[in-house]
Amino acid sequence: MRARAKEALFDWRCKSCWFVFGLIVLTVASFWTLDLQWAKFFSLDAMKKMGKFIAELTNPTFESAFAKKLVIASLETLAMSALGTLIAVVFGLLLAVPASKSHADDRALWRTPTRLILNALRSIPELVWAALLLISAGLGPFAGTLALGLHTTGVLGRLFAEAIENAPPGPAQSLRVQGVPEGRIFLYATLPQIVPQLMSYTLYRWENNIRAAAILGV
């Protein structure tokens, strides 16, 4: 038995090593096929342009007109990120309930299709969502807010569903044996236990959405 265990462990290690080696080969081949212009990247002209950019970055303009635009743009970015995150929290929680299995006897008929929806929402980046929504919503913060909301709904919905499934089952089971409906069990037993975790996920995604809103710039 020990010999078989050692042999299986050795085979597993060999397969892992070959897998890592294959990834390294693919990475090197990717650099080779991209035809990257390393000489131009490290050229003297490129270094001068980068130095000029950094110098201008460290010497901001404090004119009133520019400062006004900066404040308005910053507030717009914060508003987009906050509203997009709020939309995601609401719809993410609504989708997380059917996407989770609350207890062992739960049939969870909507678990698989709902998780497929969440996977589709979060697999599409914010920039792609924004490009699609620009066709119908046009330029402006509305399209960017919807893009953030759709993508973040997929992310938070999956995280919320995992939090629901990992919640301690004791309080919920105590109410369940008393015949309390599942909706009330979720509101009074499961949800209070996972609120700190949901808040942590929400604040983290809001931080990401602030950066994403600045990048979108729609």
C-alpha atoms as a PDB file:
ATOM      1  CA  MET A   1       0.000   0.000   0.000  1.00  0.00           C
ATOM      2  CA  ARG A   2       2.844   2.401   0.820  1.00  0.00           C
ATOM      3  CA  ALA A   3       4.565   1.613  -2.469  1.00  0.00           C
ATOM      4  CA  ARG A   4       1.345   2.298  -4.381  1.00  0.00           C
ATOM      5  CA  ALA A   5       0.809   5.582  -2.531  1.00  0.00           C
ATOM      6  CA  LYS A   6       4.366   6.678  -3.249  1.00  0.00           C
ATOM      7  CA  GLU A   7       4.043   5.649  -6.882  1.00  0.00           C
ATOM      8  CA  ALA A   8       0.759   7.542  -7.305  1.00  0.00           C
ATOM      9  CA  LEU A   9       2.226  10.620  -5.619  1.00  0.00           C
ATOM     10  CA  PHE A  10       5.279  10.446  -7.836  1.00  0.00           C
ATOM     11  CA  ASP A  11       3.128  10.138 -10.976  1.00  0.00           C
ATOM     12  CA  TRP A  12       1.037  13.107  -9.873  1.00  0.00           C
ATOM     13  CA  ARG A  13       4.113  15.223  -9.363  1.00  0.00           C
ATOM     14  CA  CYS A  14       5.451  14.293 -12.778  1.00  0.00           C
ATOM     15  CA  LYS A  15       2.167  15.247 -14.431  1.00  0.00           C
ATOM     16  CA  SER A  16       2.156  18.563 -12.609  1.00  0.00           C
ATOM     17  CA  CYS A  17       5.725  19.263 -13.675  1.00  0.00           C
ATOM     18  CA  TRP A  18       4.893  18.492 -17.292  1.00  0.00           C
ATOM     19  CA  PHE A  19       1.831  20.719 -17.058  1.00  0.00           C
ATOM     20  CA  VAL A  20       3.888  23.629 -15.712  1.00  0.00           C
ATOM     21  CA  PHE A  21       6.519  23.022 -18.365  1.00  0.00           C
ATOM     22  CA  GLY A  22       3.821  23.139 -21.040  1.00  0.00           C
ATOM     23  CA  LEU A  23       2.542  26.461 -19.686  1.00  0.00           C
ATOM     24  CA  ILE A  24       6.061  27.893 -19.771  1.00  0.00           C
ATOM     25  CA  VAL A  25       6.498  26.768 -23.375  1.00  0.00           C
ATOM     26  CA  LEU A  26       3.160  28.325 -24.362  1.00  0.00           C
ATOM     27  CA  THR A  27       4.085  31.585 -22.614  1.00  0.00           C
ATOM     28  CA  VAL A  28       7.431  31.780 -24.396  1.00  0.00           C
ATOM     29  CA  ALA A  29       5.753  30.949 -27.713  1.00  0.00           C
ATOM     30  CA  SER A  30       3.209  33.713 -27.103  1.00  0.00           C
ATOM     31  CA  PHE A  31       5.978  36.287 -26.650  1.00  0.00           C
ATOM     32  CA  TRP A  32       7.650  34.977 -29.793  1.00  0.00           C
ATOM     33  CA  THR A  33       4.531  35.224 -31.974  1.00  0.00           C
ATOM     34  CA  LEU A  34       3.482  38.688 -30.744  1.00  0.00           C
ATOM     35  CA  ASP A  35       6.485  40.347 -32.377  1.00  0.00           C
ATOM     36  CA  LEU A  36       6.945  42.800 -29.505  1.00  0.00           C
ATOM     37  CA  GLN A  37       9.122  45.809 -30.301  1.00  0.00           C
ATOM     38  CA  TRP A  38      11.363  45.717 -27.228  1.00  0.00           C
ATOM     39  CA  ALA A  39      14.007  47.894 -28.886  1.00  0.00           C
ATOM     40  CA  LYS A  40      11.493  50.691 -29.475  1.00  0.00           C
ATOM     41  CA  PHE A  41      10.117  50.300 -25.970  1.00  0.00           C
ATOM     42  CA  PHE A  42      13.527  50.904 -24.401  1.00  0.00           C
ATOM     43  CA  SER A  43      14.678  53.441 -26.996  1.00  0.00           C
ATOM     44  CA  LEU A  44      15.914  56.893 -26.005  1.00  0.00           C
ATOM     45  CA  ASP A  45      12.920  58.596 -27.636  1.00  0.00           C
ATOM     46  CA  ALA A  46      10.482  56.407 -25.694  1.00  0.00           C
ATOM     47  CA  MET A  47      12.292  57.153 -22.441  1.00  0.00           C
ATOM     48  CA  LYS A  48      12.092  60.896 -23.119  1.00  0.00           C
ATOM     49  CA  LYS A  49       8.354  60.703 -23.782  1.00  0.00           C
ATOM     50  CA  MET A  50       7.787  58.679 -20.623  1.00  0.00           C
ATOM     51  CA  GLY A  51       9.838  61.162 -18.611  1.00  0.00           C
ATOM     52  CA  LYS A  52       7.849  64.066 -20.053  1.00  0.00           C
ATOM     53  CA  PHE A  53       4.580  62.335 -19.190  1.00  0.00           C
ATOM     54  CA  ILE A  54       5.682  61.698 -15.599  1.00  0.00           C
ATOM     55  CA  ALA A  55       6.901  65.295 -15.251  1.00  0.00           C
ATOM     56  CA  GLU A  56       3.542  66.651 -16.428  1.00  0.00           C
ATOM     57  CA  LEU A  57       1.747  64.208 -14.144  1.00  0.00           C
ATOM     58  CA  THR A  58       3.587  65.549 -11.100  1.00  0.00           C
ATOM     59  CA  ASN A  59       2.880  69.158 -12.070  1.00  0.00           C
ATOM     60  CA  PRO A  60      -0.930  69.466 -12.068  1.00  0.00           C
ATOM     61  CA  THR A  61      -2.850  72.506 -13.236  1.00  0.00           C
ATOM     62  CA  PHE A  62      -4.824  74.417 -10.618  1.00  0.00           C
ATOM     63  CA  GLU A  63      -6.781  76.732 -12.899  1.00  0.00           C
ATOM     64  CA  SER A  64     -10.382  77.276 -11.827  1.00  0.00           C
ATOM     65  CA  ALA A  65     -11.881  75.962 -15.072  1.00  0.00           C
ATOM     66  CA  PHE A  66      -9.818  72.766 -14.933  1.00  0.00           C
ATOM     67  CA  ALA A  67     -10.484  72.286 -11.224  1.00  0.00           C
ATOM     68  CA  LYS A  68     -14.226  72.621 -11.836  1.00  0.00           C
ATOM     69  CA  LYS A  69     -14.124  69.968 -14.563  1.00  0.00           C
ATOM     70  CA  LEU A  70     -12.049  67.729 -12.318  1.00  0.00           C
ATOM     71  CA  VAL A  71     -14.501  67.980  -9.425  1.00  0.00           C
ATOM     72  CA  ILE A  72     -17.508  67.334 -11.668  1.00  0.00           C
ATOM     73  CA  ALA A  73     -15.819  64.349 -13.314  1.00  0.00           C
ATOM     74  CA  SER A  74     -14.783  62.924  -9.944  1.00  0.00           C
ATOM     75  CA  LEU A  75     -18.302  63.235  -8.548  1.00  0.00           C
ATOM     76  CA  GLU A  76     -19.693  61.641 -11.694  1.00  0.00           C
ATOM     77  CA  THR A  77     -17.266  58.748 -11.341  1.00  0.00           C
ATOM     78  CA  LEU A  78     -18.241  58.205  -7.702  1.00  0.00           C
ATOM     79  CA  ALA A  79     -21.937  58.422  -8.572  1.00  0.00           C
ATOM     80  CA  MET A  80     -21.581  55.881 -11.389  1.00  0.00           C
ATOM     81  CA  SER A  81     -19.695  53.446  -9.186  1.00  0.00           C
ATOM     82  CA  ALA A  82     -22.081  53.850  -6.232  1.00  0.00           C
ATOM     83  CA  LEU A  83     -25.249  53.481  -8.287  1.00  0.00           C
ATOM     84  CA  GLY A  84     -23.833  50.584 -10.289  1.00  0.00           C
ATOM     85  CA  THR A  85     -22.862  48.814  -7.078  1.00  0.00           C
ATOM     86  CA  LEU A  86     -26.282  49.477  -5.534  1.00  0.00           C
ATOM     87  CA  ILE A  87     -28.008  47.989  -8.579  1.00  0.00           C
ATOM     88  CA  ALA A  88     -25.726  44.974  -8.351  1.00  0.00           C
ATOM     89  CA  VAL A  89     -26.416  44.477  -4.635  1.00  0.00           C
ATOM     90  CA  VAL A  90     -30.189  44.451  -5.176  1.00  0.00           C
ATOM     91  CA  PHE A  91     -30.274  42.173  -8.203  1.00  0.00           C
ATOM     92  CA  GLY A  92     -27.330  40.103  -7.004  1.00  0.00           C
ATOM     93  CA  LEU A  93     -29.140  39.273  -3.773  1.00  0.00           C
ATOM     94  CA  LEU A  94     -32.365  38.518  -5.647  1.00  0.00           C
ATOM     95  CA  LEU A  95     -30.509  36.090  -7.912  1.00  0.00           C
ATOM     96  CA  ALA A  96     -28.377  34.664  -5.115  1.00  0.00           C
ATOM     97  CA  VAL A  97     -31.388  33.194  -3.303  1.00  0.00           C
ATOM     98  CA  PRO A  98     -32.478  30.856  -6.134  1.00  0.00           C
ATOM     99  CA  ALA A  99     -28.814  30.249  -7.030  1.00  0.00           C
ATOM    100  CA  SER A 100     -28.073  28.753  -3.615  1.00  0.00           C
ATOM    101  CA  LYS A 101     -29.032  25.568  -1.824  1.00  0.00           C
ATOM    102  CA  SER A 102     -30.207  26.552   1.633  1.00  0.00           C
ATOM    103  CA  HIS A 103     -30.293  23.080   3.201  1.00  0.00           C
ATOM    104  CA  ALA A 104     -29.660  19.421   2.401  1.00  0.00           C
ATOM    105  CA  ASP A 105     -33.275  18.655   1.438  1.00  0.00           C
ATOM    106  CA  ASP A 106     -33.613  21.751  -0.735  1.00  0.00           C
ATOM    107  CA  ARG A 107     -34.318  20.668  -4.322  1.00  0.00           C
ATOM    108  CA  ALA A 108     -32.958  23.995  -5.643  1.00  0.00           C
ATOM    109  CA  LEU A 109     -34.609  23.658  -9.046  1.00  0.00           C
ATOM    110  CA  TRP A 110     -33.486  27.127 -10.137  1.00  0.00           C
ATOM    111  CA  ARG A 111     -29.923  26.778  -8.887  1.00  0.00           C
ATOM    112  CA  THR A 112     -28.288  25.711 -12.154  1.00  0.00           C
ATOM    113  CA  PRO A 113     -30.082  28.118 -14.555  1.00  0.00           C
ATOM    114  CA  THR A 114     -29.633  31.042 -12.176  1.00  0.00           C
ATOM    115  CA  ARG A 115     -25.930  30.323 -11.805  1.00  0.00           C
ATOM    116  CA  LEU A 116     -25.622  30.185 -15.580  1.00  0.00           C
ATOM    117  CA  ILE A 117     -27.121  33.678 -15.738  1.00  0.00           C
ATOM    118  CA  LEU A 118     -24.673  34.915 -13.105  1.00  0.00           C
ATOM    119  CA  ASN A 119     -21.773  33.314 -14.984  1.00  0.00           C
ATOM    120  CA  ALA A 120     -22.856  35.024 -18.205  1.00  0.00           C
ATOM    121  CA  LEU A 121     -23.161  38.423 -16.513  1.00  0.00           C
ATOM    122  CA  ARG A 122     -19.741  38.370 -14.901  1.00  0.00           C
ATOM    123  CA  SER A 123     -17.928  36.719 -17.827  1.00  0.00           C
ATOM    124  CA  ILE A 124     -18.530  39.829 -19.965  1.00  0.00           C
ATOM    125  CA  PRO A 125     -16.183  42.689 -18.904  1.00  0.00           C
ATOM    126  CA  GLU A 126     -17.480  46.149 -18.095  1.00  0.00           C
ATOM    127  CA  LEU A 127     -15.962  47.617 -21.264  1.00  0.00           C
ATOM    128  CA  VAL A 128     -17.828  45.121 -23.454  1.00  0.00           C
ATOM    129  CA  TRP A 129     -21.089  45.778 -21.607  1.00  0.00           C
ATOM    130  CA  ALA A 130     -20.534  49.520 -22.074  1.00  0.00           C
ATOM    131  CA  ALA A 131     -19.900  49.063 -25.807  1.00  0.00           C
ATOM    132  CA  LEU A 132     -23.119  47.065 -26.156  1.00  0.00           C
ATOM    133  CA  LEU A 133     -25.174  49.518 -24.113  1.00  0.00           C
ATOM    134  CA  LEU A 134     -23.864  52.546 -25.998  1.00  0.00           C
ATOM    135  CA  ILE A 135     -25.996  51.425 -28.937  1.00  0.00           C
ATOM    136  CA  SER A 136     -29.224  51.726 -26.963  1.00  0.00           C
ATOM    137  CA  ALA A 137     -28.372  54.145 -24.151  1.00  0.00           C
ATOM    138  CA  GLY A 138     -25.945  56.405 -26.011  1.00  0.00           C
ATOM    139  CA  LEU A 139     -22.952  58.230 -24.606  1.00  0.00           C
ATOM    140  CA  GLY A 140     -23.009  59.348 -21.004  1.00  0.00           C
ATOM    141  CA  PRO A 141     -22.905  58.006 -17.476  1.00  0.00           C
ATOM    142  CA  PHE A 142     -26.131  56.017 -17.890  1.00  0.00           C
ATOM    143  CA  ALA A 143     -24.520  53.394 -20.127  1.00  0.00           C
ATOM    144  CA  GLY A 144     -21.485  53.165 -17.868  1.00  0.00           C
ATOM    145  CA  THR A 145     -23.639  52.744 -14.771  1.00  0.00           C
ATOM    146  CA  LEU A 146     -25.638  49.941 -16.380  1.00  0.00           C
ATOM    147  CA  ALA A 147     -22.436  48.254 -17.535  1.00  0.00           C
ATOM    148  CA  LEU A 148     -21.040  48.313 -14.009  1.00  0.00           C
ATOM    149  CA  GLY A 149     -24.346  47.087 -12.610  1.00  0.00           C
ATOM    150  CA  LEU A 150     -24.634  44.134 -14.990  1.00  0.00           C
ATOM    151  CA  HIS A 151     -21.090  42.885 -14.515  1.00  0.00           C
ATOM    152  CA  THR A 152     -21.104  43.407 -10.758  1.00  0.00           C
ATOM    153  CA  THR A 153     -24.466  41.660 -10.455  1.00  0.00           C
ATOM    154  CA  GLY A 154     -22.843  38.507 -11.782  1.00  0.00           C
ATOM    155  CA  VAL A 155     -19.924  38.830  -9.373  1.00  0.00           C
ATOM    156  CA  LEU A 156     -21.902  39.700  -6.248  1.00  0.00           C
ATOM    157  CA  GLY A 157     -24.660  37.232  -7.065  1.00  0.00           C
ATOM    158  CA  ARG A 158     -22.191  34.370  -7.072  1.00  0.00           C
ATOM    159  CA  LEU A 159     -20.455  35.585  -3.901  1.00  0.00           C
ATOM    160  CA  PHE A 160     -23.776  36.114  -2.126  1.00  0.00           C
ATOM    161  CA  ALA A 161     -24.951  32.640  -3.137  1.00  0.00           C
ATOM    162  CA  GLU A 162     -21.798  31.076  -1.710  1.00  0.00           C
ATOM    163  CA  ALA A 163     -22.275  33.059   1.504  1.00  0.00           C
ATOM    164  CA  ILE A 164     -25.856  31.812   1.823  1.00  0.00           C
ATOM    165  CA  GLU A 165     -24.810  28.198   1.329  1.00  0.00           C
ATOM    166  CA  ASN A 166     -21.949  28.508   3.833  1.00  0.00           C
ATOM    167  CA  ALA A 167     -24.057  30.149   6.551  1.00  0.00           C
ATOM    168  CA  PRO A 168     -24.303  28.164   9.822  1.00  0.00           C
ATOM    169  CA  PRO A 169     -27.422  25.975   9.431  1.00  0.00           C
ATOM    170  CA  GLY A 170     -28.357  25.795  13.118  1.00  0.00           C
ATOM    171  CA  PRO A 171     -30.679  28.837  13.452  1.00  0.00           C
ATOM    172  CA  ALA A 172     -32.376  28.157  10.122  1.00  0.00           C
ATOM    173  CA  GLN A 173     -32.930  24.499  10.941  1.00  0.00           C
ATOM    174  CA  SER A 174     -34.435  25.407  14.314  1.00  0.00           C
ATOM    175  CA  LEU A 175     -37.051  27.550  12.588  1.00  0.00           C
ATOM    176  CA  ARG A 176     -37.566  25.005   9.813  1.00  0.00           C
ATOM    177  CA  VAL A 177     -38.594  22.232  12.199  1.00  0.00           C
ATOM    178  CA  GLN A 178     -41.179  24.632  13.656  1.00  0.00           C
ATOM    179  CA  GLY A 179     -42.803  24.976  10.234  1.00  0.00           C
ATOM    180  CA  VAL A 180     -41.663  28.539   9.545  1.00  0.00           C
ATOM    181  CA  PRO A 181     -41.809  29.435   5.806  1.00  0.00           C
ATOM    182  CA  GLU A 182     -38.516  29.535   3.913  1.00  0.00           C
ATOM    183  CA  GLY A 183     -38.840  33.249   3.197  1.00  0.00           C
ATOM    184  CA  ARG A 184     -38.998  34.135   6.858  1.00  0.00           C
ATOM    185  CA  ILE A 185     -36.205  31.689   7.644  1.00  0.00           C
ATOM    186  CA  PHE A 186     -33.985  33.515   5.186  1.00  0.00           C
ATOM    187  CA  LEU A 187     -34.895  36.953   6.547  1.00  0.00           C
ATOM    188  CA  TYR A 188     -34.630  36.164  10.254  1.00  0.00           C
ATOM    189  CA  ALA A 189     -32.030  33.367  10.435  1.00  0.00           C
ATOM    190  CA  THR A 190     -29.767  33.236   7.384  1.00  0.00           C
ATOM    191  CA  LEU A 191     -29.537  36.885   6.329  1.00  0.00           C
ATOM    192  CA  PRO A 192     -28.522  38.332   9.731  1.00  0.00           C
ATOM    193  CA  GLN A 193     -25.608  35.892   9.889  1.00  0.00           C
ATOM    194  CA  ILE A 194     -24.198  36.791   6.485  1.00  0.00           C
ATOM    195  CA  VAL A 195     -24.768  40.577   6.503  1.00  0.00           C
ATOM    196  CA  PRO A 196     -21.142  41.362   7.538  1.00  0.00           C
ATOM    197  CA  GLN A 197     -19.846  39.160   4.727  1.00  0.00           C
ATOM    198  CA  LEU A 198     -22.216  40.730   2.209  1.00  0.00           C
ATOM    199  CA  MET A 199     -21.101  44.204   3.277  1.00  0.00           C
ATOM    200  CA  SER A 200     -17.468  43.205   2.879  1.00  0.00           C
ATOM    201  CA  TYR A 201     -18.087  41.927  -0.650  1.00  0.00           C
ATOM    202  CA  THR A 202     -20.086  45.049  -1.504  1.00  0.00           C
ATOM    203  CA  LEU A 203     -17.418  47.496  -0.335  1.00  0.00           C
ATOM    204  CA  TYR A 204     -14.727  45.552  -2.163  1.00  0.00           C
ATOM    205  CA  ARG A 205     -16.682  45.608  -5.419  1.00  0.00           C
ATOM    206  CA  TRP A 206     -17.461  49.314  -4.962  1.00  0.00           C
ATOM    207  CA  GLU A 207     -13.734  49.974  -4.755  1.00  0.00           C
ATOM    208  CA  ASN A 208     -13.256  48.035  -7.991  1.00  0.00           C
ATOM    209  CA  ASN A 209     -16.127  49.873  -9.646  1.00  0.00           C
ATOM    210  CA  ILE A 210     -14.595  53.270  -8.844  1.00  0.00           C
ATOM    211  CA  ARG A 211     -11.545  52.242 -10.828  1.00  0.00           C
ATOM    212  CA  ALA A 212     -13.680  50.702 -13.579  1.00  0.00           C
ATOM    213  CA  ALA A 213     -15.847  53.832 -13.843  1.00  0.00           C
ATOM    214  CA  ALA A 214     -12.742  55.974 -14.291  1.00  0.00           C
ATOM    215  CA  ILE A 215     -11.524  53.642 -17.046  1.00  0.00           C
ATOM    216  CA  LEU A 216     -14.882  53.514 -18.845  1.00  0.00           C
ATOM    217  CA  GLY A 217     -15.121  57.278 -19.308  1.00  0.00           C
ATOM    218  CA  VAL A 218     -18.332  57.071 -21.297  1.00  0.00           C
END
